[in-house]
Amino acid sequence: MDVPKIFESEYRFCLILWENEPIKSGKLVELCQQRLGWKPTTTYTVMKKLSERGVLKNENTVVTSLISKDQAQISQLNEMVD
């Protein structure tokens, strides 16, 4: 399976998601404000982008990942090697 590219700020977001999933989008926004200093619009923008790329899904305001932390890390390592 091809893992979509996850950029550094998106990865920090994903770390919060992986630690707390499944999680309501409003609670995820709160956590991103506390831990990353993000405004709610930033969090929702990142969620939308990652959803479009197949990294996560947001169904009925419940956010879950579609790829694991291990998959993301392996993909990043492989990219560095290439």
C-alpha atoms as a PDB file:
ATOM      1  CA  MET A   1       0.000   0.000   0.000  1.00  0.00           C
ATOM      2  CA  ASP A   2       1.303   3.425  -0.932  1.00  0.00           C
ATOM      3  CA  VAL A   3       1.315   5.685   2.093  1.00  0.00           C
ATOM      4  CA  PRO A   4       0.559   9.336   1.310  1.00  0.00           C
ATOM      5  CA  LYS A   5       3.314  11.823   2.126  1.00  0.00           C
ATOM      6  CA  ILE A   6       2.863  13.400   5.540  1.00  0.00           C
ATOM      7  CA  PHE A   7       4.664  16.684   6.101  1.00  0.00           C
ATOM      8  CA  GLU A   8       6.275  17.627   9.444  1.00  0.00           C
ATOM      9  CA  SER A   9       3.410  19.726  10.841  1.00  0.00           C
ATOM     10  CA  GLU A  10       0.910  17.110   9.663  1.00  0.00           C
ATOM     11  CA  TYR A  11       2.961  14.411  11.379  1.00  0.00           C
ATOM     12  CA  ARG A  12       2.813  16.311  14.689  1.00  0.00           C
ATOM     13  CA  PHE A  13      -0.963  16.479  14.214  1.00  0.00           C
ATOM     14  CA  CYS A  14      -1.074  12.736  13.463  1.00  0.00           C
ATOM     15  CA  LEU A  15       0.856  11.951  16.651  1.00  0.00           C
ATOM     16  CA  ILE A  16      -1.971  13.565  18.627  1.00  0.00           C
ATOM     17  CA  LEU A  17      -4.563  11.699  16.570  1.00  0.00           C
ATOM     18  CA  TRP A  18      -2.856   8.298  16.970  1.00  0.00           C
ATOM     19  CA  GLU A  19      -2.574   8.831  20.723  1.00  0.00           C
ATOM     20  CA  ASN A  20      -6.275   9.686  21.150  1.00  0.00           C
ATOM     21  CA  GLU A  21      -8.265   8.018  18.380  1.00  0.00           C
ATOM     22  CA  PRO A  22     -11.079   7.635  17.839  1.00  0.00           C
ATOM     23  CA  ILE A  23     -11.654  11.254  18.839  1.00  0.00           C
ATOM     24  CA  LYS A  24     -14.330  13.872  18.261  1.00  0.00           C
ATOM     25  CA  SER A  25     -13.094  16.612  15.932  1.00  0.00           C
ATOM     26  CA  GLY A  26     -13.877  19.317  18.534  1.00  0.00           C
ATOM     27  CA  LYS A  27     -11.695  17.585  21.124  1.00  0.00           C
ATOM     28  CA  LEU A  28      -8.928  17.192  18.528  1.00  0.00           C
ATOM     29  CA  VAL A  29      -9.116  20.938  17.862  1.00  0.00           C
ATOM     30  CA  GLU A  30      -8.710  21.578  21.608  1.00  0.00           C
ATOM     31  CA  LEU A  31      -5.683  19.282  21.830  1.00  0.00           C
ATOM     32  CA  CYS A  32      -4.034  20.928  18.818  1.00  0.00           C
ATOM     33  CA  GLN A  33      -4.587  24.346  20.402  1.00  0.00           C
ATOM     34  CA  GLN A  34      -2.974  23.171  23.644  1.00  0.00           C
ATOM     35  CA  ARG A  35      -0.084  21.161  22.214  1.00  0.00           C
ATOM     36  CA  LEU A  36       0.668  22.851  18.893  1.00  0.00           C
ATOM     37  CA  GLY A  37      -0.687  26.360  19.419  1.00  0.00           C
ATOM     38  CA  TRP A  38      -2.931  25.999  16.365  1.00  0.00           C
ATOM     39  CA  LYS A  39      -6.104  27.965  15.726  1.00  0.00           C
ATOM     40  CA  PRO A  40      -9.237  25.884  15.071  1.00  0.00           C
ATOM     41  CA  THR A  41      -9.205  26.822  11.366  1.00  0.00           C
ATOM     42  CA  THR A  42      -5.666  25.452  11.020  1.00  0.00           C
ATOM     43  CA  THR A  43      -6.663  22.129  12.555  1.00  0.00           C
ATOM     44  CA  TYR A  44      -9.743  21.802  10.353  1.00  0.00           C
ATOM     45  CA  THR A  45      -7.674  22.649   7.257  1.00  0.00           C
ATOM     46  CA  VAL A  46      -5.101  19.962   8.119  1.00  0.00           C
ATOM     47  CA  MET A  47      -7.882  17.440   8.792  1.00  0.00           C
ATOM     48  CA  LYS A  48      -9.443  18.221   5.403  1.00  0.00           C
ATOM     49  CA  LYS A  49      -6.129  17.866   3.551  1.00  0.00           C
ATOM     50  CA  LEU A  50      -5.235  14.597   5.279  1.00  0.00           C
ATOM     51  CA  SER A  51      -8.726  13.261   4.655  1.00  0.00           C
ATOM     52  CA  GLU A  52      -8.435  14.081   0.938  1.00  0.00           C
ATOM     53  CA  ARG A  53      -5.092  12.246   0.798  1.00  0.00           C
ATOM     54  CA  GLY A  54      -6.448   9.158   2.576  1.00  0.00           C
ATOM     55  CA  VAL A  55      -4.546   9.555   5.835  1.00  0.00           C
ATOM     56  CA  LEU A  56      -7.616   9.923   8.047  1.00  0.00           C
ATOM     57  CA  LYS A  57     -11.382   9.911   7.940  1.00  0.00           C
ATOM     58  CA  ASN A  58     -13.811  12.238   9.683  1.00  0.00           C
ATOM     59  CA  GLU A  59     -17.197  10.569   9.910  1.00  0.00           C
ATOM     60  CA  ASN A  60     -19.974  12.112  11.980  1.00  0.00           C
ATOM     61  CA  THR A  61     -17.348  14.337  13.671  1.00  0.00           C
ATOM     62  CA  VAL A  62     -15.333  11.282  14.812  1.00  0.00           C
ATOM     63  CA  VAL A  63     -11.785  11.307  13.453  1.00  0.00           C
ATOM     64  CA  THR A  64      -9.810   8.090  12.937  1.00  0.00           C
ATOM     65  CA  SER A  65      -6.594   7.366  11.067  1.00  0.00           C
ATOM     66  CA  LEU A  66      -6.478   5.208   7.955  1.00  0.00           C
ATOM     67  CA  ILE A  67      -2.730   4.579   8.255  1.00  0.00           C
ATOM     68  CA  SER A  68      -0.803   3.589  11.355  1.00  0.00           C
ATOM     69  CA  LYS A  69       2.097   5.405  12.950  1.00  0.00           C
ATOM     70  CA  ASP A  70       4.360   2.511  11.919  1.00  0.00           C
ATOM     71  CA  GLN A  71       3.265   2.793   8.278  1.00  0.00           C
ATOM     72  CA  ALA A  72       3.956   6.541   8.280  1.00  0.00           C
ATOM     73  CA  GLN A  73       7.388   6.104   9.856  1.00  0.00           C
ATOM     74  CA  ILE A  74       8.406   3.330   7.439  1.00  0.00           C
ATOM     75  CA  SER A  75       7.288   5.464   4.512  1.00  0.00           C
ATOM     76  CA  GLN A  76       9.344   8.419   5.767  1.00  0.00           C
ATOM     77  CA  LEU A  77      12.409   6.222   6.245  1.00  0.00           C
ATOM     78  CA  ASN A  78      12.062   4.759   2.766  1.00  0.00           C
ATOM     79  CA  GLU A  79      11.775   8.252   1.313  1.00  0.00           C
ATOM     80  CA  MET A  80      14.960   9.314   3.086  1.00  0.00           C
ATOM     81  CA  VAL A  81      16.816   6.264   1.758  1.00  0.00           C
ATOM     82  CA  ASP A  82      15.675   6.947  -1.819  1.00  0.00           C
END
